[in-house]
Amino acid sequence: MKTKLTLAHLPPSVNAIWRFTKGGKMYRTSEYQTWANSEAWTVAAQLRGQHKFTGPVYLTMAMRRPRANSDLDNRLKATIDLLQSLDAIANDKDVMGINAWWSNDLPAGVAAEIVITQADALEDAA
């Protein structure tokens, strides 16, 4: 079983999603909150009628590179956290593997394509 989703915008780099107060308390930046709130509406609409996963999953992500010096791994954490917050996956600890790459072949208006696959379904096919 697979679920396919798209993002209109990539999340901010993981380097820009959290900050700390002088007292050491961690909080989400407004840039991250704005991205998460905006994408949550779009992804939640796509999830209607699609499978939501509990247990081990694999993720496949093709992303449009925003700048030549962007690090691929810095976009993964926020994306996976979004999937969990929308119950597309039950828990990010259940992500058993990720296949991610920069792609120039995504349709206009799509910053990322994500496919979620139940891990045991892939293992049964092997």
PDB file of N, CA and C in Angstrom:
ATOM      1  N   MET A   1       0.835  -1.169   0.000  1.00  0.00           N
ATOM      2  CA  MET A   1       0.000   0.000   0.000  1.00  0.00           C
ATOM      3  C   MET A   1       0.888   1.244   0.000  1.00  0.00           C
ATOM      4  N   LYS A   2       0.511   2.242  -0.794  1.00  0.00           N
ATOM      5  CA  LYS A   2       1.296   3.461  -0.910  1.00  0.00           C
ATOM      6  C   LYS A   2       0.393   4.676  -0.776  1.00  0.00           C
ATOM      7  N   THR A   3       0.966   5.738  -0.274  1.00  0.00           N
ATOM      8  CA  THR A   3       0.324   7.042  -0.243  1.00  0.00           C
ATOM      9  C   THR A   3       1.271   8.029  -0.903  1.00  0.00           C
ATOM     10  N   LYS A   4       0.752   8.792  -1.849  1.00  0.00           N
ATOM     11  CA  LYS A   4       1.567   9.783  -2.555  1.00  0.00           C
ATOM     12  C   LYS A   4       1.057  11.174  -2.213  1.00  0.00           C
ATOM     13  N   LEU A   5       1.998  12.064  -1.837  1.00  0.00           N
ATOM     14  CA  LEU A   5       1.676  13.428  -1.441  1.00  0.00           C
ATOM     15  C   LEU A   5       2.625  14.400  -2.121  1.00  0.00           C
ATOM     16  N   THR A   6       2.217  15.647  -2.219  1.00  0.00           N
ATOM     17  CA  THR A   6       3.104  16.687  -2.742  1.00  0.00           C
ATOM     18  C   THR A   6       3.130  17.870  -1.787  1.00  0.00           C
ATOM     19  N   LEU A   7       4.237  18.588  -1.826  1.00  0.00           N
ATOM     20  CA  LEU A   7       4.380  19.843  -1.085  1.00  0.00           C
ATOM     21  C   LEU A   7       4.529  20.968  -2.095  1.00  0.00           C
ATOM     22  N   ALA A   8       3.898  22.089  -1.819  1.00  0.00           N
ATOM     23  CA  ALA A   8       4.044  23.256  -2.687  1.00  0.00           C
ATOM     24  C   ALA A   8       5.337  24.004  -2.383  1.00  0.00           C
ATOM     25  N   HIS A   9       5.801  23.900  -1.135  1.00  0.00           N
ATOM     26  CA  HIS A   9       7.032  24.576  -0.711  1.00  0.00           C
ATOM     27  C   HIS A   9       7.832  23.646   0.186  1.00  0.00           C
ATOM     28  N   LEU A  10       9.140  23.715   0.073  1.00  0.00           N
ATOM     29  CA  LEU A  10       9.992  22.956   0.986  1.00  0.00           C
ATOM     30  C   LEU A  10      10.029  23.654   2.331  1.00  0.00           C
ATOM     31  N   PRO A  11      10.285  22.896   3.386  1.00  0.00           N
ATOM     32  CA  PRO A  11      10.402  23.528   4.706  1.00  0.00           C
ATOM     33  C   PRO A  11      11.693  24.335   4.780  1.00  0.00           C
ATOM     34  N   PRO A  12      11.767  25.215   5.756  1.00  0.00           N
ATOM     35  CA  PRO A  12      13.058  25.870   5.988  1.00  0.00           C
ATOM     36  C   PRO A  12      14.097  24.810   6.354  1.00  0.00           C
ATOM     37  N   SER A  13      15.340  25.146   6.180  1.00  0.00           N
ATOM     38  CA  SER A  13      16.416  24.250   6.595  1.00  0.00           C
ATOM     39  C   SER A  13      16.280  23.956   8.083  1.00  0.00           C
ATOM     40  N   VAL A  14      16.684  22.768   8.481  1.00  0.00           N
ATOM     41  CA  VAL A  14      16.625  22.395   9.905  1.00  0.00           C
ATOM     42  C   VAL A  14      17.414  23.401  10.747  1.00  0.00           C
ATOM     43  N   ASN A  15      18.384  24.071  10.137  1.00  0.00           N
ATOM     44  CA  ASN A  15      19.155  25.091  10.856  1.00  0.00           C
ATOM     45  C   ASN A  15      18.316  26.322  11.191  1.00  0.00           C
ATOM     46  N   ALA A  16      17.128  26.444  10.579  1.00  0.00           N
ATOM     47  CA  ALA A  16      16.298  27.644  10.775  1.00  0.00           C
ATOM     48  C   ALA A  16      14.919  27.328  11.343  1.00  0.00           C
ATOM     49  N   ILE A  17      14.737  26.149  11.947  1.00  0.00           N
ATOM     50  CA  ILE A  17      13.391  25.848  12.447  1.00  0.00           C
ATOM     51  C   ILE A  17      13.254  25.956  13.961  1.00  0.00           C
ATOM     52  N   TRP A  18      14.351  25.963  14.688  1.00  0.00           N
ATOM     53  CA  TRP A  18      14.276  26.104  16.142  1.00  0.00           C
ATOM     54  C   TRP A  18      15.227  27.196  16.609  1.00  0.00           C
ATOM     55  N   ARG A  19      14.819  27.852  17.676  1.00  0.00           N
ATOM     56  CA  ARG A  19      15.647  28.835  18.360  1.00  0.00           C
ATOM     57  C   ARG A  19      15.486  28.612  19.853  1.00  0.00           C
ATOM     58  N   PHE A  20      16.361  29.253  20.625  1.00  0.00           N
ATOM     59  CA  PHE A  20      16.326  29.121  22.078  1.00  0.00           C
ATOM     60  C   PHE A  20      16.184  30.480  22.737  1.00  0.00           C
ATOM     61  N   THR A  21      15.419  30.514  23.836  1.00  0.00           N
ATOM     62  CA  THR A  21      15.324  31.730  24.632  1.00  0.00           C
ATOM     63  C   THR A  21      16.594  31.853  25.464  1.00  0.00           C
ATOM     64  N   LYS A  22      16.783  32.996  26.113  1.00  0.00           N
ATOM     65  CA  LYS A  22      17.946  33.169  26.997  1.00  0.00           C
ATOM     66  C   LYS A  22      17.924  32.158  28.131  1.00  0.00           C
ATOM     67  N   GLY A  23      16.712  31.730  28.505  1.00  0.00           N
ATOM     68  CA  GLY A  23      16.573  30.731  29.567  1.00  0.00           C
ATOM     69  C   GLY A  23      16.788  29.303  29.089  1.00  0.00           C
ATOM     70  N   GLY A  24      17.049  29.120  27.788  1.00  0.00           N
ATOM     71  CA  GLY A  24      17.335  27.801  27.254  1.00  0.00           C
ATOM     72  C   GLY A  24      16.133  27.030  26.744  1.00  0.00           C
ATOM     73  N   LYS A  25      14.976  27.671  26.726  1.00  0.00           N
ATOM     74  CA  LYS A  25      13.775  26.997  26.246  1.00  0.00           C
ATOM     75  C   LYS A  25      13.742  27.043  24.718  1.00  0.00           C
ATOM     76  N   MET A  26      13.452  25.892  24.103  1.00  0.00           N
ATOM     77  CA  MET A  26      13.428  25.802  22.654  1.00  0.00           C
ATOM     78  C   MET A  26      12.047  26.161  22.128  1.00  0.00           C
ATOM     79  N   TYR A  27      12.015  26.867  20.973  1.00  0.00           N
ATOM     80  CA  TYR A  27      10.748  27.189  20.337  1.00  0.00           C
ATOM     81  C   TYR A  27      10.921  27.151  18.819  1.00  0.00           C
ATOM     82  N   ARG A  28       9.790  26.994  18.131  1.00  0.00           N
ATOM     83  CA  ARG A  28       9.791  26.971  16.669  1.00  0.00           C
ATOM     84  C   ARG A  28       9.818  28.396  16.136  1.00  0.00           C
ATOM     85  N   THR A  29      10.558  28.608  15.065  1.00  0.00           N
ATOM     86  CA  THR A  29      10.622  29.935  14.476  1.00  0.00           C
ATOM     87  C   THR A  29       9.320  30.249  13.741  1.00  0.00           C
ATOM     88  N   SER A  30       9.065  31.519  13.524  1.00  0.00           N
ATOM     89  CA  SER A  30       7.855  31.917  12.800  1.00  0.00           C
ATOM     90  C   SER A  30       7.932  31.431  11.354  1.00  0.00           C
ATOM     91  N   GLU A  31       9.126  31.387  10.771  1.00  0.00           N
ATOM     92  CA  GLU A  31       9.278  30.875   9.402  1.00  0.00           C
ATOM     93  C   GLU A  31       8.825  29.413   9.323  1.00  0.00           C
ATOM     94  N   TYR A  32       9.235  28.621  10.300  1.00  0.00           N
ATOM     95  CA  TYR A  32       8.846  27.213  10.330  1.00  0.00           C
ATOM     96  C   TYR A  32       7.346  27.060  10.567  1.00  0.00           C
ATOM     97  N   GLN A  33       6.796  27.812  11.516  1.00  0.00           N
ATOM     98  CA  GLN A  33       5.370  27.735  11.818  1.00  0.00           C
ATOM     99  C   GLN A  33       4.530  28.120  10.611  1.00  0.00           C
ATOM    100  N   THR A  34       4.941  29.161   9.900  1.00  0.00           N
ATOM    101  CA  THR A  34       4.218  29.599   8.708  1.00  0.00           C
ATOM    102  C   THR A  34       4.222  28.494   7.657  1.00  0.00           C
ATOM    103  N   TRP A  35       5.391  27.884   7.425  1.00  0.00           N
ATOM    104  CA  TRP A  35       5.488  26.790   6.459  1.00  0.00           C
ATOM    105  C   TRP A  35       4.603  25.616   6.886  1.00  0.00           C
ATOM    106  N   ALA A  36       4.723  25.194   8.132  1.00  0.00           N
ATOM    107  CA  ALA A  36       3.977  24.029   8.622  1.00  0.00           C
ATOM    108  C   ALA A  36       2.467  24.255   8.533  1.00  0.00           C
ATOM    109  N   ASN A  37       2.009  25.429   8.913  1.00  0.00           N
ATOM    110  CA  ASN A  37       0.567  25.718   8.855  1.00  0.00           C
ATOM    111  C   ASN A  37       0.071  25.725   7.413  1.00  0.00           C
ATOM    112  N   SER A  38       0.827  26.327   6.519  1.00  0.00           N
ATOM    113  CA  SER A  38       0.428  26.402   5.115  1.00  0.00           C
ATOM    114  C   SER A  38       0.386  25.021   4.468  1.00  0.00           C
ATOM    115  N   GLU A  39       1.440  24.258   4.629  1.00  0.00           N
ATOM    116  CA  GLU A  39       1.510  22.929   4.009  1.00  0.00           C
ATOM    117  C   GLU A  39       0.541  21.948   4.654  1.00  0.00           C
ATOM    118  N   ALA A  40       0.228  22.141   5.933  1.00  0.00           N
ATOM    119  CA  ALA A  40      -0.700  21.234   6.617  1.00  0.00           C
ATOM    120  C   ALA A  40      -2.054  21.221   5.920  1.00  0.00           C
ATOM    121  N   TRP A  41      -2.537  22.367   5.494  1.00  0.00           N
ATOM    122  CA  TRP A  41      -3.827  22.427   4.794  1.00  0.00           C
ATOM    123  C   TRP A  41      -3.775  21.633   3.498  1.00  0.00           C
ATOM    124  N   THR A  42      -2.719  21.835   2.733  1.00  0.00           N
ATOM    125  CA  THR A  42      -2.589  21.171   1.435  1.00  0.00           C
ATOM    126  C   THR A  42      -2.445  19.660   1.596  1.00  0.00           C
ATOM    127  N   VAL A  43      -1.578  19.242   2.499  1.00  0.00           N
ATOM    128  CA  VAL A  43      -1.323  17.813   2.681  1.00  0.00           C
ATOM    129  C   VAL A  43      -2.539  17.120   3.305  1.00  0.00           C
ATOM    130  N   ALA A  44      -3.199  17.770   4.251  1.00  0.00           N
ATOM    131  CA  ALA A  44      -4.393  17.177   4.865  1.00  0.00           C
ATOM    132  C   ALA A  44      -5.460  16.904   3.803  1.00  0.00           C
ATOM    133  N   ALA A  45      -5.624  17.818   2.869  1.00  0.00           N
ATOM    134  CA  ALA A  45      -6.601  17.611   1.793  1.00  0.00           C
ATOM    135  C   ALA A  45      -6.202  16.421   0.922  1.00  0.00           C
ATOM    136  N   GLN A  46      -4.909  16.256   0.664  1.00  0.00           N
ATOM    137  CA  GLN A  46      -4.441  15.129  -0.142  1.00  0.00           C
ATOM    138  C   GLN A  46      -4.607  13.800   0.588  1.00  0.00           C
ATOM    139  N   LEU A  47      -4.549  13.828   1.897  1.00  0.00           N
ATOM    140  CA  LEU A  47      -4.653  12.596   2.684  1.00  0.00           C
ATOM    141  C   LEU A  47      -6.067  12.024   2.728  1.00  0.00           C
ATOM    142  N   ARG A  48      -7.054  12.853   2.429  1.00  0.00           N
ATOM    143  CA  ARG A  48      -8.427  12.345   2.442  1.00  0.00           C
ATOM    144  C   ARG A  48      -8.549  11.207   1.431  1.00  0.00           C
ATOM    145  N   GLY A  49      -8.987  10.067   1.915  1.00  0.00           N
ATOM    146  CA  GLY A  49      -9.159   8.911   1.050  1.00  0.00           C
ATOM    147  C   GLY A  49      -7.890   8.102   0.809  1.00  0.00           C
ATOM    148  N   GLN A  50      -6.773   8.549   1.342  1.00  0.00           N
ATOM    149  CA  GLN A  50      -5.535   7.788   1.192  1.00  0.00           C
ATOM    150  C   GLN A  50      -5.221   7.058   2.499  1.00  0.00           C
ATOM    151  N   HIS A  51      -4.362   6.066   2.386  1.00  0.00           N
ATOM    152  CA  HIS A  51      -3.988   5.246   3.538  1.00  0.00           C
ATOM    153  C   HIS A  51      -3.096   6.040   4.486  1.00  0.00           C
ATOM    154  N   LYS A  52      -3.373   5.911   5.786  1.00  0.00           N
ATOM    155  CA  LYS A  52      -2.508   6.456   6.821  1.00  0.00           C
ATOM    156  C   LYS A  52      -1.820   5.266   7.480  1.00  0.00           C
ATOM    157  N   PHE A  53      -0.569   5.434   7.843  1.00  0.00           N
ATOM    158  CA  PHE A  53       0.266   4.307   8.235  1.00  0.00           C
ATOM    159  C   PHE A  53       0.544   4.250   9.728  1.00  0.00           C
ATOM    160  N   THR A  54       0.469   3.032  10.246  1.00  0.00           N
ATOM    161  CA  THR A  54       0.952   2.733  11.581  1.00  0.00           C
ATOM    162  C   THR A  54       2.031   1.676  11.392  1.00  0.00           C
ATOM    163  N   GLY A  55       3.051   1.737  12.176  1.00  0.00           N
ATOM    164  CA  GLY A  55       4.136   0.774  12.043  1.00  0.00           C
ATOM    165  C   GLY A  55       5.188   1.234  11.054  1.00  0.00           C
ATOM    166  N   PRO A  56       6.140   0.364  10.766  1.00  0.00           N
ATOM    167  CA  PRO A  56       7.307   0.724   9.956  1.00  0.00           C
ATOM    168  C   PRO A  56       6.944   1.144   8.527  1.00  0.00           C
ATOM    169  N   VAL A  57       7.587   2.217   8.072  1.00  0.00           N
ATOM    170  CA  VAL A  57       7.381   2.721   6.720  1.00  0.00           C
ATOM    171  C   VAL A  57       8.720   3.091   6.081  1.00  0.00           C
ATOM    172  N   TYR A  58       8.689   3.176   4.754  1.00  0.00           N
ATOM    173  CA  TYR A  58       9.793   3.739   3.973  1.00  0.00           C
ATOM    174  C   TYR A  58       9.262   4.982   3.280  1.00  0.00           C
ATOM    175  N   LEU A  59      10.114   5.992   3.168  1.00  0.00           N
ATOM    176  CA  LEU A  59       9.747   7.224   2.488  1.00  0.00           C
ATOM    177  C   LEU A  59      10.607   7.401   1.243  1.00  0.00           C
ATOM    178  N   THR A  60       9.986   7.853   0.187  1.00  0.00           N
ATOM    179  CA  THR A  60      10.690   8.235  -1.029  1.00  0.00           C
ATOM    180  C   THR A  60      10.348   9.698  -1.263  1.00  0.00           C
ATOM    181  N   MET A  61      11.379  10.538  -1.404  1.00  0.00           N
ATOM    182  CA  MET A  61      11.158  11.978  -1.558  1.00  0.00           C
ATOM    183  C   MET A  61      11.994  12.538  -2.694  1.00  0.00           C
ATOM    184  N   ALA A  62      11.322  13.140  -3.655  1.00  0.00           N
ATOM    185  CA  ALA A  62      11.994  13.904  -4.707  1.00  0.00           C
ATOM    186  C   ALA A  62      11.702  15.367  -4.410  1.00  0.00           C
ATOM    187  N   MET A  63      12.748  16.180  -4.334  1.00  0.00           N
ATOM    188  CA  MET A  63      12.573  17.585  -3.966  1.00  0.00           C
ATOM    189  C   MET A  63      13.265  18.500  -4.970  1.00  0.00           C
ATOM    190  N   ARG A  64      12.638  19.634  -5.212  1.00  0.00           N
ATOM    191  CA  ARG A  64      13.223  20.652  -6.086  1.00  0.00           C
ATOM    192  C   ARG A  64      14.232  21.450  -5.254  1.00  0.00           C
ATOM    193  N   ARG A  65      15.463  21.499  -5.714  1.00  0.00           N
ATOM    194  CA  ARG A  65      16.514  22.179  -4.960  1.00  0.00           C
ATOM    195  C   ARG A  65      16.327  23.700  -5.027  1.00  0.00           C
ATOM    196  N   PRO A  66      16.155  24.358  -3.865  1.00  0.00           N
ATOM    197  CA  PRO A  66      15.896  25.801  -3.881  1.00  0.00           C
ATOM    198  C   PRO A  66      17.130  26.649  -4.226  1.00  0.00           C
ATOM    199  N   ARG A  67      18.302  26.179  -3.806  1.00  0.00           N
ATOM    200  CA  ARG A  67      19.561  26.882  -4.080  1.00  0.00           C
ATOM    201  C   ARG A  67      20.657  25.835  -4.278  1.00  0.00           C
ATOM    202  N   ALA A  68      21.678  26.194  -4.995  1.00  0.00           N
ATOM    203  CA  ALA A  68      22.762  25.253  -5.288  1.00  0.00           C
ATOM    204  C   ALA A  68      23.466  24.764  -4.025  1.00  0.00           C
ATOM    205  N   ASN A  69      23.457  25.558  -2.964  1.00  0.00           N
ATOM    206  CA  ASN A  69      24.163  25.157  -1.745  1.00  0.00           C
ATOM    207  C   ASN A  69      23.243  24.540  -0.690  1.00  0.00           C
ATOM    208  N   SER A  70      22.009  24.207  -1.052  1.00  0.00           N
ATOM    209  CA  SER A  70      21.068  23.588  -0.104  1.00  0.00           C
ATOM    210  C   SER A  70      21.482  22.153   0.211  1.00  0.00           C
ATOM    211  N   ASP A  71      21.414  21.808   1.484  1.00  0.00           N
ATOM    212  CA  ASP A  71      21.700  20.442   1.927  1.00  0.00           C
ATOM    213  C   ASP A  71      20.411  19.641   1.950  1.00  0.00           C
ATOM    214  N   LEU A  72      20.413  18.508   1.292  1.00  0.00           N
ATOM    215  CA  LEU A  72      19.235  17.647   1.197  1.00  0.00           C
ATOM    216  C   LEU A  72      18.731  17.223   2.578  1.00  0.00           C
ATOM    217  N   ASP A  73      19.633  16.786   3.435  1.00  0.00           N
ATOM    218  CA  ASP A  73      19.223  16.262   4.738  1.00  0.00           C
ATOM    219  C   ASP A  73      18.590  17.323   5.634  1.00  0.00           C
ATOM    220  N   ASN A  74      18.871  18.594   5.396  1.00  0.00           N
ATOM    221  CA  ASN A  74      18.293  19.652   6.224  1.00  0.00           C
ATOM    222  C   ASN A  74      16.807  19.864   5.968  1.00  0.00           C
ATOM    223  N   ARG A  75      16.258  19.255   4.925  1.00  0.00           N
ATOM    224  CA  ARG A  75      14.833  19.406   4.604  1.00  0.00           C
ATOM    225  C   ARG A  75      14.005  18.211   5.081  1.00  0.00           C
ATOM    226  N   LEU A  76      14.665  17.143   5.505  1.00  0.00           N
ATOM    227  CA  LEU A  76      13.953  15.914   5.838  1.00  0.00           C
ATOM    228  C   LEU A  76      13.206  15.976   7.170  1.00  0.00           C
ATOM    229  N   LYS A  77      13.848  16.470   8.222  1.00  0.00           N
ATOM    230  CA  LYS A  77      13.260  16.449   9.570  1.00  0.00           C
ATOM    231  C   LYS A  77      11.906  17.148   9.616  1.00  0.00           C
ATOM    232  N   ALA A  78      11.847  18.373   9.102  1.00  0.00           N
ATOM    233  CA  ALA A  78      10.585  19.124   9.156  1.00  0.00           C
ATOM    234  C   ALA A  78       9.505  18.440   8.325  1.00  0.00           C
ATOM    235  N   THR A  79       9.888  17.863   7.188  1.00  0.00           N
ATOM    236  CA  THR A  79       8.920  17.172   6.336  1.00  0.00           C
ATOM    237  C   THR A  79       8.350  15.949   7.053  1.00  0.00           C
ATOM    238  N   ILE A  80       9.206  15.181   7.676  1.00  0.00           N
ATOM    239  CA  ILE A  80       8.753  13.990   8.402  1.00  0.00           C
ATOM    240  C   ILE A  80       7.902  14.384   9.608  1.00  0.00           C
ATOM    241  N   ASP A  81       8.282  15.448  10.295  1.00  0.00           N
ATOM    242  CA  ASP A  81       7.469  15.930  11.421  1.00  0.00           C
ATOM    243  C   ASP A  81       6.080  16.348  10.953  1.00  0.00           C
ATOM    244  N   LEU A  82       5.992  16.961   9.776  1.00  0.00           N
ATOM    245  CA  LEU A  82       4.695  17.337   9.221  1.00  0.00           C
ATOM    246  C   LEU A  82       3.843  16.100   8.953  1.00  0.00           C
ATOM    247  N   LEU A  83       4.454  15.065   8.367  1.00  0.00           N
ATOM    248  CA  LEU A  83       3.717  13.827   8.091  1.00  0.00           C
ATOM    249  C   LEU A  83       3.162  13.221   9.372  1.00  0.00           C
ATOM    250  N   GLN A  84       3.954  13.268  10.439  1.00  0.00           N
ATOM    251  CA  GLN A  84       3.491  12.734  11.718  1.00  0.00           C
ATOM    252  C   GLN A  84       2.381  13.607  12.299  1.00  0.00           C
ATOM    253  N   SER A  85       2.519  14.912  12.228  1.00  0.00           N
ATOM    254  CA  SER A  85       1.510  15.803  12.820  1.00  0.00           C
ATOM    255  C   SER A  85       0.155  15.644  12.145  1.00  0.00           C
ATOM    256  N   LEU A  86       0.151  15.208  10.882  1.00  0.00           N
ATOM    257  CA  LEU A  86      -1.099  15.007  10.142  1.00  0.00           C
ATOM    258  C   LEU A  86      -1.566  13.557  10.160  1.00  0.00           C
ATOM    259  N   ASP A  87      -0.873  12.710  10.931  1.00  0.00           N
ATOM    260  CA  ASP A  87      -1.186  11.288  11.062  1.00  0.00           C
ATOM    261  C   ASP A  87      -1.032  10.510   9.756  1.00  0.00           C
ATOM    262  N   ALA A  88      -0.254  11.037   8.815  1.00  0.00           N
ATOM    263  CA  ALA A  88       0.066  10.260   7.616  1.00  0.00           C
ATOM    264  C   ALA A  88       0.919   9.065   8.039  1.00  0.00           C
ATOM    265  N   ILE A  89       1.793   9.302   9.019  1.00  0.00           N
ATOM    266  CA  ILE A  89       2.538   8.230   9.681  1.00  0.00           C
ATOM    267  C   ILE A  89       2.279   8.376  11.181  1.00  0.00           C
ATOM    268  N   ALA A  90       2.241   7.269  11.880  1.00  0.00           N
ATOM    269  CA  ALA A  90       1.905   7.311  13.307  1.00  0.00           C
ATOM    270  C   ALA A  90       3.007   7.965  14.126  1.00  0.00           C
ATOM    271  N   ASN A  91       4.263   7.658  13.777  1.00  0.00           N
ATOM    272  CA  ASN A  91       5.379   8.164  14.568  1.00  0.00           C
ATOM    273  C   ASN A  91       6.612   8.203  13.679  1.00  0.00           C
ATOM    274  N   ASP A  92       7.390   9.278  13.776  1.00  0.00           N
ATOM    275  CA  ASP A  92       8.575   9.369  12.926  1.00  0.00           C
ATOM    276  C   ASP A  92       9.635   8.325  13.285  1.00  0.00           C
ATOM    277  N   LYS A  93       9.535   7.732  14.456  1.00  0.00           N
ATOM    278  CA  LYS A  93      10.471   6.655  14.806  1.00  0.00           C
ATOM    279  C   LYS A  93      10.224   5.402  13.961  1.00  0.00           C
ATOM    280  N   ASP A  94       9.051   5.332  13.310  1.00  0.00           N
ATOM    281  CA  ASP A  94       8.713   4.193  12.462  1.00  0.00           C
ATOM    282  C   ASP A  94       9.279   4.294  11.051  1.00  0.00           C
ATOM    283  N   VAL A  95       9.949   5.397  10.740  1.00  0.00           N
ATOM    284  CA  VAL A  95      10.574   5.538   9.420  1.00  0.00           C
ATOM    285  C   VAL A  95      11.836   4.678   9.409  1.00  0.00           C
ATOM    286  N   MET A  96      11.788   3.606   8.616  1.00  0.00           N
ATOM    287  CA  MET A  96      12.887   2.638   8.575  1.00  0.00           C
ATOM    288  C   MET A  96      13.949   3.013   7.548  1.00  0.00           C
ATOM    289  N   GLY A  97      13.580   3.830   6.574  1.00  0.00           N
ATOM    290  CA  GLY A  97      14.533   4.244   5.562  1.00  0.00           C
ATOM    291  C   GLY A  97      13.949   5.354   4.705  1.00  0.00           C
ATOM    292  N   ILE A  98      14.857   6.136   4.124  1.00  0.00           N
ATOM    293  CA  ILE A  98      14.460   7.255   3.281  1.00  0.00           C
ATOM    294  C   ILE A  98      15.315   7.237   2.016  1.00  0.00           C
ATOM    295  N   ASN A  99      14.652   7.334   0.883  1.00  0.00           N
ATOM    296  CA  ASN A  99      15.335   7.511  -0.391  1.00  0.00           C
ATOM    297  C   ASN A  99      14.981   8.915  -0.851  1.00  0.00           C
ATOM    298  N   ALA A 100      15.943   9.836  -0.801  1.00  0.00           N
ATOM    299  CA  ALA A 100      15.670  11.238  -1.114  1.00  0.00           C
ATOM    300  C   ALA A 100      16.697  11.753  -2.113  1.00  0.00           C
ATOM    301  N   TRP A 101      16.230  12.640  -3.005  1.00  0.00           N
ATOM    302  CA  TRP A 101      17.123  13.229  -3.992  1.00  0.00           C
ATOM    303  C   TRP A 101      16.569  14.568  -4.469  1.00  0.00           C
ATOM    304  N   TRP A 102      17.462  15.383  -5.032  1.00  0.00           N
ATOM    305  CA  TRP A 102      17.062  16.618  -5.692  1.00  0.00           C
ATOM    306  C   TRP A 102      16.585  16.270  -7.086  1.00  0.00           C
ATOM    307  N   SER A 103      15.487  16.883  -7.515  1.00  0.00           N
ATOM    308  CA  SER A 103      14.930  16.585  -8.829  1.00  0.00           C
ATOM    309  C   SER A 103      14.573  17.871  -9.564  1.00  0.00           C
ATOM    310  N   ASN A 104      14.909  17.907 -10.842  1.00  0.00           N
ATOM    311  CA  ASN A 104      14.499  19.007 -11.716  1.00  0.00           C
ATOM    312  C   ASN A 104      13.272  18.629 -12.521  1.00  0.00           C
ATOM    313  N   ASP A 105      12.743  17.435 -12.301  1.00  0.00           N
ATOM    314  CA  ASP A 105      11.653  16.909 -13.115  1.00  0.00           C
ATOM    315  C   ASP A 105      10.273  16.999 -12.467  1.00  0.00           C
ATOM    316  N   LEU A 106      10.149  17.736 -11.392  1.00  0.00           N
ATOM    317  CA  LEU A 106       8.855  17.851 -10.728  1.00  0.00           C
ATOM    318  C   LEU A 106       7.962  18.826 -11.497  1.00  0.00           C
ATOM    319  N   PRO A 107       6.652  18.593 -11.471  1.00  0.00           N
ATOM    320  CA  PRO A 107       5.727  19.499 -12.162  1.00  0.00           C
ATOM    321  C   PRO A 107       5.796  20.921 -11.577  1.00  0.00           C
ATOM    322  N   ALA A 108       5.402  21.900 -12.355  1.00  0.00           N
ATOM    323  CA  ALA A 108       5.358  23.284 -11.882  1.00  0.00           C
ATOM    324  C   ALA A 108       4.475  23.367 -10.642  1.00  0.00           C
ATOM    325  N   GLY A 109       4.906  24.129  -9.659  1.00  0.00           N
ATOM    326  CA  GLY A 109       4.126  24.300  -8.437  1.00  0.00           C
ATOM    327  C   GLY A 109       4.330  23.209  -7.412  1.00  0.00           C
ATOM    328  N   VAL A 110       5.157  22.222  -7.715  1.00  0.00           N
ATOM    329  CA  VAL A 110       5.434  21.126  -6.773  1.00  0.00           C
ATOM    330  C   VAL A 110       6.891  21.229  -6.327  1.00  0.00           C
ATOM    331  N   ALA A 111       7.079  21.391  -5.019  1.00  0.00           N
ATOM    332  CA  ALA A 111       8.426  21.468  -4.463  1.00  0.00           C
ATOM    333  C   ALA A 111       8.935  20.100  -4.033  1.00  0.00           C
ATOM    334  N   ALA A 112       8.004  19.179  -3.752  1.00  0.00           N
ATOM    335  CA  ALA A 112       8.404  17.835  -3.331  1.00  0.00           C
ATOM    336  C   ALA A 112       7.286  16.846  -3.611  1.00  0.00           C
ATOM    337  N   GLU A 113       7.688  15.645  -3.984  1.00  0.00           N
ATOM    338  CA  GLU A 113       6.777  14.506  -4.080  1.00  0.00           C
ATOM    339  C   GLU A 113       7.232  13.491  -3.051  1.00  0.00           C
ATOM    340  N   ILE A 114       6.291  12.988  -2.287  1.00  0.00           N
ATOM    341  CA  ILE A 114       6.595  12.046  -1.208  1.00  0.00           C
ATOM    342  C   ILE A 114       5.734  10.807  -1.405  1.00  0.00           C
ATOM    343  N   VAL A 115       6.360   9.645  -1.318  1.00  0.00           N
ATOM    344  CA  VAL A 115       5.625   8.391  -1.350  1.00  0.00           C
ATOM    345  C   VAL A 115       5.927   7.657  -0.048  1.00  0.00           C
ATOM    346  N   ILE A 116       4.873   7.256   0.637  1.00  0.00           N
ATOM    347  CA  ILE A 116       4.996   6.491   1.882  1.00  0.00           C
ATOM    348  C   ILE A 116       4.583   5.061   1.567  1.00  0.00           C
ATOM    349  N   THR A 117       5.411   4.104   1.957  1.00  0.00           N
ATOM    350  CA  THR A 117       5.130   2.688   1.720  1.00  0.00           C
ATOM    351  C   THR A 117       5.291   1.925   3.022  1.00  0.00           C
ATOM    352  N   GLN A 118       4.346   1.058   3.320  1.00  0.00           N
ATOM    353  CA  GLN A 118       4.452   0.209   4.512  1.00  0.00           C
ATOM    354  C   GLN A 118       5.680  -0.679   4.371  1.00  0.00           C
ATOM    355  N   ALA A 119       6.526  -0.705   5.365  1.00  0.00           N
ATOM    356  CA  ALA A 119       7.796  -1.441   5.287  1.00  0.00           C
ATOM    357  C   ALA A 119       7.574  -2.930   5.087  1.00  0.00           C
ATOM    358  N   ASP A 120       6.648  -3.540   5.796  1.00  0.00           N
ATOM    359  CA  ASP A 120       6.453  -4.975   5.645  1.00  0.00           C
ATOM    360  C   ASP A 120       5.909  -5.338   4.269  1.00  0.00           C
ATOM    361  N   ALA A 121       5.246  -4.419   3.605  1.00  0.00           N
ATOM    362  CA  ALA A 121       4.754  -4.687   2.242  1.00  0.00           C
ATOM    363  C   ALA A 121       5.926  -4.844   1.284  1.00  0.00           C
ATOM    364  N   LEU A 122       6.963  -4.050   1.455  1.00  0.00           N
ATOM    365  CA  LEU A 122       8.150  -4.167   0.601  1.00  0.00           C
ATOM    366  C   LEU A 122       8.921  -5.447   0.923  1.00  0.00           C
ATOM    367  N   GLU A 123       8.981  -5.796   2.188  1.00  0.00           N
ATOM    368  CA  GLU A 123       9.710  -6.990   2.592  1.00  0.00           C
ATOM    369  C   GLU A 123       9.006  -8.243   2.093  1.00  0.00           C
ATOM    370  N   ASP A 124       7.668  -8.233   2.066  1.00  0.00           N
ATOM    371  CA  ASP A 124       6.917  -9.386   1.570  1.00  0.00           C
ATOM    372  C   ASP A 124       7.133  -9.583   0.087  1.00  0.00           C
ATOM    373  N   ALA A 125       7.341  -8.482  -0.661  1.00  0.00           N
ATOM    374  CA  ALA A 125       7.521  -8.556  -2.110  1.00  0.00           C
ATOM    375  C   ALA A 125       8.898  -9.069  -2.500  1.00  0.00           C
ATOM    376  N   ALA A 126       9.854  -8.980  -1.596  1.00  0.00           N
ATOM    377  CA  ALA A 126      11.245  -9.370  -1.906  1.00  0.00           C
ATOM    378  C   ALA A 126      11.467 -10.858  -1.910  1.00  0.00           C
TER     379      ALA A 126
END
